[in-house]
Amino acid sequence: MKRAAWILAVIFGLAFLGATLMNADLIAGSRKALASGVFRDKSSIPAARFQLVVVIPDTDDSFFRGILDGIRDAAPVYEAAVQVFRYPQAAISEAGRYYDIALRAKVDGLIMYTPRNDLDSGRGDRARRNGVIFVPVGTDAPAGARPGFIGSGSLLQGFEGGKLICEHLGASARIGVILPSSGSGESLEEPLYRGISAAIKAFPGATIAAVARAQPGVLSGEEAASSLLRAEPGINALFCSNSIDTTGAAQVVVDLNRVGRILIIGADETPEINRYIDKGVVAASIVRDSKRIGLEAVRLFSRLKAGAVAREIVEAGFTVKVSKGAE
């Protein structure tokens, strides 16, 4: 069984990493191959010294695109070749499989999306024992996370969203919240929900009228927004946690001819969201700095590789893009 598992690991390594795992010389050669395959302008990029694997959900959510953009921008600065593994958002077990492959391949570094409800707290230690630098990224750090996690906290996002809603609607706010598909458990325990709830306490009478959890997929925002508005017709504000759900909720409000009667606070930035903001369909979008997450992840990898110690959990922060009609 052990021999079969070893052979399987080699096969996966050849297929996914483009590296022969038999010895260090061939791994070094694969680093150069990865660099030439990943970077477009080969003449302006030094030969890659490090092999860096990224494990991330396969989704159109702009938050994850931003993380990858940051990683790819920073990688040549730190002489790293990047290999990206994507897994279906609903199949988190696939992420663990890629993690195992990266450790068997003994790559230099692994940047991995790690959700708040991740139960495997030992990934960093196991990676360290295998000589791999592990950098977890995401939104909210899992319980008990050690310094080194880089994210943009949902608690702050929710607080900002609740504040924006009540600045427009005050005590009359009846909020429908679309929670991210990556979460699980009770809504009241979600950092995003707790942030909104804390913000609206300053406006007695404002309330969270209903909550729906999005499902993976491009139509999740439309389905969640539609179900909220059917269940609670009195909702006059929708809070969305990511770009996909923002676009979907906006489309539902347009289709129902309720623009101006339902305030939408969205998340992140895409050309489509910008158009909805320009037209006043979306009142504001909380744009998380996910590109900074990617940049900081590569920077931290380089520091740890040089022997530094991670000393904090990094909060990337956000900006708010507001519709002129909502100012």
C-alpha atoms as a PDB file:
ATOM      1  CA  MET A   1       0.000   0.000   0.000  1.00  0.00           C
ATOM      2  CA  LYS A   2       2.805   2.420   0.878  1.00  0.00           C
ATOM      3  CA  ARG A   3       4.528   1.771  -2.443  1.00  0.00           C
ATOM      4  CA  ALA A   4       1.244   2.326  -4.341  1.00  0.00           C
ATOM      5  CA  ALA A   5       0.642   5.593  -2.502  1.00  0.00           C
ATOM      6  CA  TRP A   6       4.168   6.755  -3.353  1.00  0.00           C
ATOM      7  CA  ILE A   7       3.715   5.970  -7.040  1.00  0.00           C
ATOM      8  CA  LEU A   8       0.378   7.800  -7.048  1.00  0.00           C
ATOM      9  CA  ALA A   9       2.033  10.851  -5.500  1.00  0.00           C
ATOM     10  CA  VAL A  10       4.688  10.844  -8.243  1.00  0.00           C
ATOM     11  CA  ILE A  11       2.025  10.610 -10.952  1.00  0.00           C
ATOM     12  CA  PHE A  12       0.086  13.511  -9.471  1.00  0.00           C
ATOM     13  CA  GLY A  13       3.293  15.494  -9.142  1.00  0.00           C
ATOM     14  CA  LEU A  14       4.130  15.005 -12.801  1.00  0.00           C
ATOM     15  CA  ALA A  15       0.615  15.853 -13.921  1.00  0.00           C
ATOM     16  CA  PHE A  16      -0.029  18.875 -11.742  1.00  0.00           C
ATOM     17  CA  LEU A  17       3.324  20.364 -10.793  1.00  0.00           C
ATOM     18  CA  GLY A  18       5.318  19.611 -13.929  1.00  0.00           C
ATOM     19  CA  ALA A  19       8.168  18.466 -11.698  1.00  0.00           C
ATOM     20  CA  THR A  20       9.912  15.130 -11.283  1.00  0.00           C
ATOM     21  CA  LEU A  21      10.053  14.370  -7.604  1.00  0.00           C
ATOM     22  CA  MET A  22      12.978  11.947  -7.732  1.00  0.00           C
ATOM     23  CA  ASN A  23      15.795  14.354  -6.818  1.00  0.00           C
ATOM     24  CA  ALA A  24      16.668  17.956  -6.146  1.00  0.00           C
ATOM     25  CA  ASP A  25      18.352  18.555  -9.502  1.00  0.00           C
ATOM     26  CA  LEU A  26      15.250  17.699 -11.461  1.00  0.00           C
ATOM     27  CA  ILE A  27      13.056  19.759  -9.124  1.00  0.00           C
ATOM     28  CA  ALA A  28      15.324  22.748  -9.762  1.00  0.00           C
ATOM     29  CA  GLY A  29      14.853  22.171 -13.482  1.00  0.00           C
ATOM     30  CA  SER A  30      11.084  22.103 -13.053  1.00  0.00           C
ATOM     31  CA  ARG A  31      11.252  25.507 -11.331  1.00  0.00           C
ATOM     32  CA  LYS A  32      12.710  27.004 -14.495  1.00  0.00           C
ATOM     33  CA  ALA A  33      10.026  25.288 -16.566  1.00  0.00           C
ATOM     34  CA  LEU A  34       7.305  26.639 -14.294  1.00  0.00           C
ATOM     35  CA  ALA A  35       8.744  30.124 -14.531  1.00  0.00           C
ATOM     36  CA  SER A  36       8.830  30.036 -18.322  1.00  0.00           C
ATOM     37  CA  GLY A  37       5.246  28.749 -18.420  1.00  0.00           C
ATOM     38  CA  VAL A  38       3.763  31.220 -15.973  1.00  0.00           C
ATOM     39  CA  PHE A  39       5.415  34.527 -16.818  1.00  0.00           C
ATOM     40  CA  ARG A  40       4.715  36.173 -20.143  1.00  0.00           C
ATOM     41  CA  ASP A  41       7.705  38.497 -20.454  1.00  0.00           C
ATOM     42  CA  LYS A  42      10.515  36.047 -19.860  1.00  0.00           C
ATOM     43  CA  SER A  43      13.266  38.566 -20.665  1.00  0.00           C
ATOM     44  CA  SER A  44      12.342  40.842 -17.739  1.00  0.00           C
ATOM     45  CA  ILE A  45      12.066  38.128 -15.048  1.00  0.00           C
ATOM     46  CA  PRO A  46      15.058  36.562 -13.292  1.00  0.00           C
ATOM     47  CA  ALA A  47      15.376  32.794 -13.220  1.00  0.00           C
ATOM     48  CA  ALA A  48      13.037  31.425 -10.558  1.00  0.00           C
ATOM     49  CA  ARG A  49      14.740  30.283  -7.376  1.00  0.00           C
ATOM     50  CA  PHE A  50      11.599  29.119  -5.632  1.00  0.00           C
ATOM     51  CA  GLN A  51       8.641  26.942  -6.478  1.00  0.00           C
ATOM     52  CA  LEU A  52       5.402  28.417  -5.078  1.00  0.00           C
ATOM     53  CA  VAL A  53       2.077  26.575  -5.186  1.00  0.00           C
ATOM     54  CA  VAL A  54      -1.296  28.312  -4.774  1.00  0.00           C
ATOM     55  CA  VAL A  55      -4.436  26.350  -3.818  1.00  0.00           C
ATOM     56  CA  ILE A  56      -7.620  28.338  -4.294  1.00  0.00           C
ATOM     57  CA  PRO A  57     -11.331  27.814  -5.135  1.00  0.00           C
ATOM     58  CA  ASP A  58     -12.341  27.710  -8.788  1.00  0.00           C
ATOM     59  CA  THR A  59     -14.767  30.644  -8.865  1.00  0.00           C
ATOM     60  CA  ASP A  60     -15.428  33.902 -10.713  1.00  0.00           C
ATOM     61  CA  ASP A  61     -15.562  35.800  -7.413  1.00  0.00           C
ATOM     62  CA  SER A  62     -13.363  38.876  -7.875  1.00  0.00           C
ATOM     63  CA  PHE A  63     -12.009  38.485  -4.335  1.00  0.00           C
ATOM     64  CA  PHE A  64     -10.066  35.403  -5.425  1.00  0.00           C
ATOM     65  CA  ARG A  65      -9.023  36.960  -8.721  1.00  0.00           C
ATOM     66  CA  GLY A  66      -7.515  39.788  -6.710  1.00  0.00           C
ATOM     67  CA  ILE A  67      -5.535  37.374  -4.545  1.00  0.00           C
ATOM     68  CA  LEU A  68      -4.096  35.702  -7.641  1.00  0.00           C
ATOM     69  CA  ASP A  69      -3.276  39.053  -9.246  1.00  0.00           C
ATOM     70  CA  GLY A  70      -1.350  40.052  -6.135  1.00  0.00           C
ATOM     71  CA  ILE A  71       0.536  36.754  -6.027  1.00  0.00           C
ATOM     72  CA  ARG A  72       1.461  36.929  -9.693  1.00  0.00           C
ATOM     73  CA  ASP A  73       2.603  40.535  -9.418  1.00  0.00           C
ATOM     74  CA  ALA A  74       4.785  39.815  -6.388  1.00  0.00           C
ATOM     75  CA  ALA A  75       6.216  36.446  -7.468  1.00  0.00           C
ATOM     76  CA  PRO A  76       8.866  37.714  -9.927  1.00  0.00           C
ATOM     77  CA  VAL A  77      10.081  40.253  -7.373  1.00  0.00           C
ATOM     78  CA  TYR A  78      10.868  37.390  -5.000  1.00  0.00           C
ATOM     79  CA  GLU A  79      12.136  35.067  -7.752  1.00  0.00           C
ATOM     80  CA  ALA A  80       9.282  32.593  -7.428  1.00  0.00           C
ATOM     81  CA  ALA A  81       7.587  30.499 -10.091  1.00  0.00           C
ATOM     82  CA  VAL A  82       3.857  30.083  -9.420  1.00  0.00           C
ATOM     83  CA  GLN A  83       1.673  27.032 -10.030  1.00  0.00           C
ATOM     84  CA  VAL A  84      -2.055  27.464  -9.326  1.00  0.00           C
ATOM     85  CA  PHE A  85      -4.342  24.586  -8.348  1.00  0.00           C
ATOM     86  CA  ARG A  86      -8.080  25.278  -8.412  1.00  0.00           C
ATOM     87  CA  TYR A  87     -10.761  23.124  -6.849  1.00  0.00           C
ATOM     88  CA  PRO A  88     -14.586  23.260  -7.001  1.00  0.00           C
ATOM     89  CA  GLN A  89     -15.849  25.559  -4.269  1.00  0.00           C
ATOM     90  CA  ALA A  90     -18.233  22.888  -3.024  1.00  0.00           C
ATOM     91  CA  ALA A  91     -15.490  20.229  -2.855  1.00  0.00           C
ATOM     92  CA  ILE A  92     -13.200  21.453  -0.094  1.00  0.00           C
ATOM     93  CA  SER A  93     -11.667  17.984   0.196  1.00  0.00           C
ATOM     94  CA  GLU A  94      -9.946  18.629  -3.133  1.00  0.00           C
ATOM     95  CA  ALA A  95      -7.998  21.439  -1.479  1.00  0.00           C
ATOM     96  CA  GLY A  96      -6.598  18.933   1.012  1.00  0.00           C
ATOM     97  CA  ARG A  97      -5.518  16.652  -1.820  1.00  0.00           C
ATOM     98  CA  TYR A  98      -3.566  19.449  -3.486  1.00  0.00           C
ATOM     99  CA  TYR A  99      -2.035  20.338  -0.132  1.00  0.00           C
ATOM    100  CA  ASP A 100      -0.777  16.764   0.226  1.00  0.00           C
ATOM    101  CA  ILE A 101       0.640  16.802  -3.297  1.00  0.00           C
ATOM    102  CA  ALA A 102       2.533  20.027  -2.617  1.00  0.00           C
ATOM    103  CA  LEU A 103       4.070  18.559   0.538  1.00  0.00           C
ATOM    104  CA  ARG A 104       5.114  15.359  -1.226  1.00  0.00           C
ATOM    105  CA  ALA A 105       6.661  17.426  -3.995  1.00  0.00           C
ATOM    106  CA  LYS A 106       8.553  19.441  -1.347  1.00  0.00           C
ATOM    107  CA  VAL A 107       7.899  22.737  -3.088  1.00  0.00           C
ATOM    108  CA  ASP A 108       9.329  25.826  -1.429  1.00  0.00           C
ATOM    109  CA  GLY A 109       6.044  27.463  -0.511  1.00  0.00           C
ATOM    110  CA  LEU A 110       2.291  26.885  -0.409  1.00  0.00           C
ATOM    111  CA  ILE A 111      -0.284  29.691  -0.314  1.00  0.00           C
ATOM    112  CA  MET A 112      -3.688  28.199   0.434  1.00  0.00           C
ATOM    113  CA  TYR A 113      -7.194  29.610   0.855  1.00  0.00           C
ATOM    114  CA  THR A 114      -8.263  28.683   4.369  1.00  0.00           C
ATOM    115  CA  PRO A 115     -11.908  29.317   5.364  1.00  0.00           C
ATOM    116  CA  ARG A 116     -13.005  30.315   8.860  1.00  0.00           C
ATOM    117  CA  ASN A 117     -14.595  26.905   9.458  1.00  0.00           C
ATOM    118  CA  ASP A 118     -11.449  24.977   8.512  1.00  0.00           C
ATOM    119  CA  LEU A 119     -10.956  22.219  11.071  1.00  0.00           C
ATOM    120  CA  ASP A 120      -7.424  21.218  10.117  1.00  0.00           C
ATOM    121  CA  SER A 121      -5.308  23.414  12.377  1.00  0.00           C
ATOM    122  CA  GLY A 122      -2.156  21.364  11.847  1.00  0.00           C
ATOM    123  CA  ARG A 123      -1.406  22.233   8.222  1.00  0.00           C
ATOM    124  CA  GLY A 124       1.263  24.764   9.099  1.00  0.00           C
ATOM    125  CA  ASP A 125       3.121  22.353  11.378  1.00  0.00           C
ATOM    126  CA  ARG A 126       2.971  19.483   8.871  1.00  0.00           C
ATOM    127  CA  ALA A 127       4.212  21.735   6.090  1.00  0.00           C
ATOM    128  CA  ARG A 128       7.086  22.940   8.274  1.00  0.00           C
ATOM    129  CA  ARG A 129       8.117  19.367   9.028  1.00  0.00           C
ATOM    130  CA  ASN A 130       8.253  18.733   5.266  1.00  0.00           C
ATOM    131  CA  GLY A 131      10.335  21.839   4.619  1.00  0.00           C
ATOM    132  CA  VAL A 132       7.471  23.767   3.002  1.00  0.00           C
ATOM    133  CA  ILE A 133       6.533  27.338   3.930  1.00  0.00           C
ATOM    134  CA  PHE A 134       2.753  27.469   4.469  1.00  0.00           C
ATOM    135  CA  VAL A 135       0.850  30.773   4.182  1.00  0.00           C
ATOM    136  CA  PRO A 136      -2.944  30.631   4.771  1.00  0.00           C
ATOM    137  CA  VAL A 137      -5.100  33.359   3.192  1.00  0.00           C
ATOM    138  CA  GLY A 138      -8.821  34.106   3.141  1.00  0.00           C
ATOM    139  CA  THR A 139     -11.333  36.332   4.875  1.00  0.00           C
ATOM    140  CA  ASP A 140     -11.594  35.333   8.539  1.00  0.00           C
ATOM    141  CA  ALA A 141      -8.858  33.437  10.342  1.00  0.00           C
ATOM    142  CA  PRO A 142      -9.967  30.020  11.656  1.00  0.00           C
ATOM    143  CA  ALA A 143     -10.296  29.625  15.410  1.00  0.00           C
ATOM    144  CA  GLY A 144      -6.901  29.241  16.997  1.00  0.00           C
ATOM    145  CA  ALA A 145      -5.076  30.464  13.887  1.00  0.00           C
ATOM    146  CA  ARG A 146      -1.440  31.332  14.468  1.00  0.00           C
ATOM    147  CA  PRO A 147       0.284  34.493  13.235  1.00  0.00           C
ATOM    148  CA  GLY A 148       0.781  34.346   9.486  1.00  0.00           C
ATOM    149  CA  PHE A 149      -2.836  34.299   8.308  1.00  0.00           C
ATOM    150  CA  ILE A 150      -3.580  37.099   5.812  1.00  0.00           C
ATOM    151  CA  GLY A 151      -7.164  38.141   5.120  1.00  0.00           C
ATOM    152  CA  SER A 152      -9.898  40.756   5.074  1.00  0.00           C
ATOM    153  CA  GLY A 153     -12.216  40.218   8.018  1.00  0.00           C
ATOM    154  CA  SER A 154     -15.942  39.753   7.500  1.00  0.00           C
ATOM    155  CA  LEU A 155     -16.697  41.343  10.880  1.00  0.00           C
ATOM    156  CA  LEU A 156     -15.341  44.683   9.675  1.00  0.00           C
ATOM    157  CA  GLN A 157     -17.060  44.242   6.310  1.00  0.00           C
ATOM    158  CA  GLY A 158     -20.387  43.599   8.014  1.00  0.00           C
ATOM    159  CA  PHE A 159     -19.994  46.528  10.395  1.00  0.00           C
ATOM    160  CA  GLU A 160     -19.242  48.898   7.531  1.00  0.00           C
ATOM    161  CA  GLY A 161     -22.214  47.568   5.551  1.00  0.00           C
ATOM    162  CA  GLY A 162     -24.623  47.938   8.463  1.00  0.00           C
ATOM    163  CA  LYS A 163     -23.408  51.479   9.039  1.00  0.00           C
ATOM    164  CA  LEU A 164     -23.877  52.403   5.368  1.00  0.00           C
ATOM    165  CA  ILE A 165     -27.402  50.982   5.314  1.00  0.00           C
ATOM    166  CA  CYS A 166     -28.465  52.861   8.440  1.00  0.00           C
ATOM    167  CA  GLU A 167     -26.915  56.094   7.217  1.00  0.00           C
ATOM    168  CA  HIS A 168     -29.475  55.930   4.402  1.00  0.00           C
ATOM    169  CA  LEU A 169     -32.445  54.257   6.050  1.00  0.00           C
ATOM    170  CA  GLY A 170     -31.946  54.827   9.774  1.00  0.00           C
ATOM    171  CA  ALA A 171     -34.367  53.073  12.108  1.00  0.00           C
ATOM    172  CA  SER A 172     -36.561  52.018   9.185  1.00  0.00           C
ATOM    173  CA  ALA A 173     -33.919  49.619   7.820  1.00  0.00           C
ATOM    174  CA  ARG A 174     -35.224  46.095   7.183  1.00  0.00           C
ATOM    175  CA  ILE A 175     -32.164  44.209   6.002  1.00  0.00           C
ATOM    176  CA  GLY A 176     -31.862  41.007   4.031  1.00  0.00           C
ATOM    177  CA  VAL A 177     -28.401  39.457   4.372  1.00  0.00           C
ATOM    178  CA  ILE A 178     -26.836  37.087   1.853  1.00  0.00           C
ATOM    179  CA  LEU A 179     -24.175  35.094   3.690  1.00  0.00           C
ATOM    180  CA  PRO A 180     -21.229  33.567   1.799  1.00  0.00           C
ATOM    181  CA  SER A 181     -21.435  29.987   0.601  1.00  0.00           C
ATOM    182  CA  SER A 182     -18.113  29.210   2.278  1.00  0.00           C
ATOM    183  CA  GLY A 183     -19.636  29.528   5.762  1.00  0.00           C
ATOM    184  CA  SER A 184     -21.513  26.983   7.823  1.00  0.00           C
ATOM    185  CA  GLY A 185     -23.428  26.723  11.066  1.00  0.00           C
ATOM    186  CA  GLU A 186     -25.694  29.269  12.720  1.00  0.00           C
ATOM    187  CA  SER A 187     -26.102  32.621  10.971  1.00  0.00           C
ATOM    188  CA  LEU A 188     -25.786  34.460  14.267  1.00  0.00           C
ATOM    189  CA  GLU A 189     -22.246  33.100  14.650  1.00  0.00           C
ATOM    190  CA  GLU A 190     -21.069  34.431  11.290  1.00  0.00           C
ATOM    191  CA  PRO A 191     -18.650  37.378  11.682  1.00  0.00           C
ATOM    192  CA  LEU A 192     -20.431  39.144   8.820  1.00  0.00           C
ATOM    193  CA  TYR A 193     -23.792  38.891  10.593  1.00  0.00           C
ATOM    194  CA  ARG A 194     -22.303  39.978  13.906  1.00  0.00           C
ATOM    195  CA  GLY A 195     -20.743  43.007  12.253  1.00  0.00           C
ATOM    196  CA  ILE A 196     -24.045  44.143  10.740  1.00  0.00           C
ATOM    197  CA  SER A 197     -25.876  43.494  13.987  1.00  0.00           C
ATOM    198  CA  ALA A 198     -23.366  45.571  15.955  1.00  0.00           C
ATOM    199  CA  ALA A 199     -23.582  48.495  13.516  1.00  0.00           C
ATOM    200  CA  ILE A 200     -27.364  48.790  13.511  1.00  0.00           C
ATOM    201  CA  LYS A 201     -27.617  48.899  17.316  1.00  0.00           C
ATOM    202  CA  ALA A 202     -26.992  52.619  17.066  1.00  0.00           C
ATOM    203  CA  PHE A 203     -30.306  52.901  15.189  1.00  0.00           C
ATOM    204  CA  PRO A 204     -33.075  51.474  17.418  1.00  0.00           C
ATOM    205  CA  GLY A 205     -35.748  49.954  15.227  1.00  0.00           C
ATOM    206  CA  ALA A 206     -33.398  48.892  12.420  1.00  0.00           C
ATOM    207  CA  THR A 207     -33.372  45.122  12.076  1.00  0.00           C
ATOM    208  CA  ILE A 208     -32.044  42.173  10.120  1.00  0.00           C
ATOM    209  CA  ALA A 209     -35.300  40.875   8.681  1.00  0.00           C
ATOM    210  CA  ALA A 210     -34.039  37.701   6.996  1.00  0.00           C
ATOM    211  CA  VAL A 211     -30.883  35.786   6.155  1.00  0.00           C
ATOM    212  CA  ALA A 212     -30.068  33.454   3.265  1.00  0.00           C
ATOM    213  CA  ARG A 213     -26.871  31.566   2.603  1.00  0.00           C
ATOM    214  CA  ALA A 214     -25.635  31.660  -0.966  1.00  0.00           C
ATOM    215  CA  GLN A 215     -24.769  28.451  -2.778  1.00  0.00           C
ATOM    216  CA  PRO A 216     -21.749  27.981  -5.045  1.00  0.00           C
ATOM    217  CA  GLY A 217     -22.403  29.115  -8.606  1.00  0.00           C
ATOM    218  CA  VAL A 218     -22.960  32.231 -10.668  1.00  0.00           C
ATOM    219  CA  LEU A 219     -26.723  32.317 -10.013  1.00  0.00           C
ATOM    220  CA  SER A 220     -26.432  32.094  -6.242  1.00  0.00           C
ATOM    221  CA  GLY A 221     -26.972  35.818  -5.696  1.00  0.00           C
ATOM    222  CA  GLU A 222     -30.138  35.894  -7.783  1.00  0.00           C
ATOM    223  CA  GLU A 223     -31.567  32.840  -6.032  1.00  0.00           C
ATOM    224  CA  ALA A 224     -30.722  34.106  -2.552  1.00  0.00           C
ATOM    225  CA  ALA A 225     -32.059  37.627  -3.195  1.00  0.00           C
ATOM    226  CA  SER A 226     -35.271  36.271  -4.706  1.00  0.00           C
ATOM    227  CA  SER A 227     -35.874  33.946  -1.763  1.00  0.00           C
ATOM    228  CA  LEU A 228     -35.277  36.750   0.739  1.00  0.00           C
ATOM    229  CA  LEU A 229     -37.685  39.121  -0.959  1.00  0.00           C
ATOM    230  CA  ARG A 230     -40.348  36.434  -1.264  1.00  0.00           C
ATOM    231  CA  ALA A 231     -40.018  35.496   2.402  1.00  0.00           C
ATOM    232  CA  GLU A 232     -39.929  39.088   3.667  1.00  0.00           C
ATOM    233  CA  PRO A 233     -41.574  41.554   1.251  1.00  0.00           C
ATOM    234  CA  GLY A 234     -40.825  44.405   3.672  1.00  0.00           C
ATOM    235  CA  ILE A 235     -37.057  44.182   3.098  1.00  0.00           C
ATOM    236  CA  ASN A 236     -35.723  47.555   1.951  1.00  0.00           C
ATOM    237  CA  ALA A 237     -31.981  46.768   1.973  1.00  0.00           C
ATOM    238  CA  LEU A 238     -29.867  43.869   0.755  1.00  0.00           C
ATOM    239  CA  PHE A 239     -26.363  43.207   2.004  1.00  0.00           C
ATOM    240  CA  CYS A 240     -24.154  41.010  -0.207  1.00  0.00           C
ATOM    241  CA  SER A 241     -20.887  39.429   0.883  1.00  0.00           C
ATOM    242  CA  ASN A 242     -19.143  38.971  -2.479  1.00  0.00           C
ATOM    243  CA  SER A 243     -19.103  40.167  -6.078  1.00  0.00           C
ATOM    244  CA  ILE A 244     -21.122  37.298  -7.551  1.00  0.00           C
ATOM    245  CA  ASP A 245     -23.985  37.764  -5.103  1.00  0.00           C
ATOM    246  CA  THR A 246     -23.883  41.546  -5.553  1.00  0.00           C
ATOM    247  CA  THR A 247     -24.383  41.202  -9.291  1.00  0.00           C
ATOM    248  CA  GLY A 248     -27.165  38.656  -8.805  1.00  0.00           C
ATOM    249  CA  ALA A 249     -29.022  40.759  -6.230  1.00  0.00           C
ATOM    250  CA  ALA A 250     -28.778  43.828  -8.436  1.00  0.00           C
ATOM    251  CA  GLN A 251     -30.273  41.938 -11.360  1.00  0.00           C
ATOM    252  CA  VAL A 252     -33.198  40.782  -9.223  1.00  0.00           C
ATOM    253  CA  VAL A 253     -33.936  44.333  -8.056  1.00  0.00           C
ATOM    254  CA  VAL A 254     -33.830  45.558 -11.663  1.00  0.00           C
ATOM    255  CA  ASP A 255     -36.113  42.732 -12.835  1.00  0.00           C
ATOM    256  CA  LEU A 256     -38.615  43.516 -10.068  1.00  0.00           C
ATOM    257  CA  ASN A 257     -38.522  47.225 -10.967  1.00  0.00           C
ATOM    258  CA  ARG A 258     -37.575  48.091  -7.383  1.00  0.00           C
ATOM    259  CA  VAL A 259     -34.496  50.203  -8.045  1.00  0.00           C
ATOM    260  CA  GLY A 260     -34.516  53.039  -5.535  1.00  0.00           C
ATOM    261  CA  ARG A 261     -36.804  51.146  -3.181  1.00  0.00           C
ATOM    262  CA  ILE A 262     -34.313  48.463  -2.188  1.00  0.00           C
ATOM    263  CA  LEU A 263     -30.892  49.667  -1.140  1.00  0.00           C
ATOM    264  CA  ILE A 264     -28.043  47.323  -2.124  1.00  0.00           C
ATOM    265  CA  ILE A 265     -24.706  47.280  -0.351  1.00  0.00           C
ATOM    266  CA  GLY A 266     -22.408  45.049  -2.331  1.00  0.00           C
ATOM    267  CA  ALA A 267     -18.912  43.670  -2.094  1.00  0.00           C
ATOM    268  CA  ASP A 268     -15.779  44.080  -4.160  1.00  0.00           C
ATOM    269  CA  GLU A 269     -15.411  45.464  -7.653  1.00  0.00           C
ATOM    270  CA  THR A 270     -16.039  44.239 -11.197  1.00  0.00           C
ATOM    271  CA  PRO A 271     -16.950  46.129 -14.382  1.00  0.00           C
ATOM    272  CA  GLU A 272     -20.549  44.975 -13.937  1.00  0.00           C
ATOM    273  CA  ILE A 273     -20.734  46.145 -10.330  1.00  0.00           C
ATOM    274  CA  ASN A 274     -19.265  49.484 -11.371  1.00  0.00           C
ATOM    275  CA  ARG A 275     -22.017  49.884 -13.963  1.00  0.00           C
ATOM    276  CA  TYR A 276     -24.663  49.120 -11.336  1.00  0.00           C
ATOM    277  CA  ILE A 277     -23.073  51.701  -9.039  1.00  0.00           C
ATOM    278  CA  ASP A 278     -23.004  54.292 -11.823  1.00  0.00           C
ATOM    279  CA  LYS A 279     -26.698  53.669 -12.510  1.00  0.00           C
ATOM    280  CA  GLY A 280     -27.623  53.853  -8.823  1.00  0.00           C
ATOM    281  CA  VAL A 281     -28.782  50.234  -8.641  1.00  0.00           C
ATOM    282  CA  VAL A 282     -26.064  49.464  -6.092  1.00  0.00           C
ATOM    283  CA  ALA A 283     -25.688  52.198  -3.472  1.00  0.00           C
ATOM    284  CA  ALA A 284     -22.165  51.199  -2.430  1.00  0.00           C
ATOM    285  CA  SER A 285     -19.680  48.372  -2.600  1.00  0.00           C
ATOM    286  CA  ILE A 286     -17.195  47.429   0.119  1.00  0.00           C
ATOM    287  CA  VAL A 287     -14.089  46.629  -1.915  1.00  0.00           C
ATOM    288  CA  ARG A 288     -11.819  44.289   0.015  1.00  0.00           C
ATOM    289  CA  ASP A 289      -8.146  44.660  -0.838  1.00  0.00           C
ATOM    290  CA  SER A 290      -7.639  41.084  -1.934  1.00  0.00           C
ATOM    291  CA  LYS A 291      -4.756  42.019  -4.209  1.00  0.00           C
ATOM    292  CA  ARG A 292      -2.886  43.151  -1.114  1.00  0.00           C
ATOM    293  CA  ILE A 293      -3.586  39.734   0.433  1.00  0.00           C
ATOM    294  CA  GLY A 294      -1.769  38.098  -2.485  1.00  0.00           C
ATOM    295  CA  LEU A 295       1.126  40.551  -2.357  1.00  0.00           C
ATOM    296  CA  GLU A 296       1.528  40.144   1.404  1.00  0.00           C
ATOM    297  CA  ALA A 297       1.352  36.349   1.103  1.00  0.00           C
ATOM    298  CA  VAL A 298       4.318  36.211  -1.278  1.00  0.00           C
ATOM    299  CA  ARG A 299       6.217  38.749   0.806  1.00  0.00           C
ATOM    300  CA  LEU A 300       5.629  36.680   3.945  1.00  0.00           C
ATOM    301  CA  PHE A 301       6.718  33.502   2.152  1.00  0.00           C
ATOM    302  CA  SER A 302      10.003  35.188   1.250  1.00  0.00           C
ATOM    303  CA  ARG A 303      10.568  36.409   4.814  1.00  0.00           C
ATOM    304  CA  LEU A 304       9.809  33.002   6.330  1.00  0.00           C
ATOM    305  CA  LYS A 305      12.049  31.307   3.792  1.00  0.00           C
ATOM    306  CA  ALA A 306      14.846  33.595   4.944  1.00  0.00           C
ATOM    307  CA  GLY A 307      14.284  32.505   8.548  1.00  0.00           C
ATOM    308  CA  ALA A 308      11.985  35.228   9.891  1.00  0.00           C
ATOM    309  CA  VAL A 309       9.074  34.448  12.212  1.00  0.00           C
ATOM    310  CA  ALA A 310       5.455  35.436  11.517  1.00  0.00           C
ATOM    311  CA  ARG A 311       4.338  37.723  14.328  1.00  0.00           C
ATOM    312  CA  GLU A 312       0.789  38.751  13.464  1.00  0.00           C
ATOM    313  CA  ILE A 313      -2.402  38.068  11.562  1.00  0.00           C
ATOM    314  CA  VAL A 314      -2.548  40.608   8.730  1.00  0.00           C
ATOM    315  CA  GLU A 315      -5.781  42.513   8.010  1.00  0.00           C
ATOM    316  CA  ALA A 316      -5.759  43.747   4.409  1.00  0.00           C
ATOM    317  CA  GLY A 317      -8.646  46.209   4.861  1.00  0.00           C
ATOM    318  CA  PHE A 318     -11.054  47.681   2.306  1.00  0.00           C
ATOM    319  CA  THR A 319     -12.277  50.813   0.573  1.00  0.00           C
ATOM    320  CA  VAL A 320     -15.862  51.852  -0.114  1.00  0.00           C
ATOM    321  CA  LYS A 321     -17.078  52.730  -3.597  1.00  0.00           C
ATOM    322  CA  VAL A 322     -20.253  54.827  -3.411  1.00  0.00           C
ATOM    323  CA  SER A 323     -22.855  55.659  -6.040  1.00  0.00           C
ATOM    324  CA  LYS A 324     -23.052  59.407  -6.656  1.00  0.00           C
ATOM    325  CA  GLY A 325     -26.797  59.227  -6.144  1.00  0.00           C
ATOM    326  CA  ALA A 326     -26.279  57.670  -2.730  1.00  0.00           C
ATOM    327  CA  GLU A 327     -23.768  60.203  -1.412  1.00  0.00           C
END
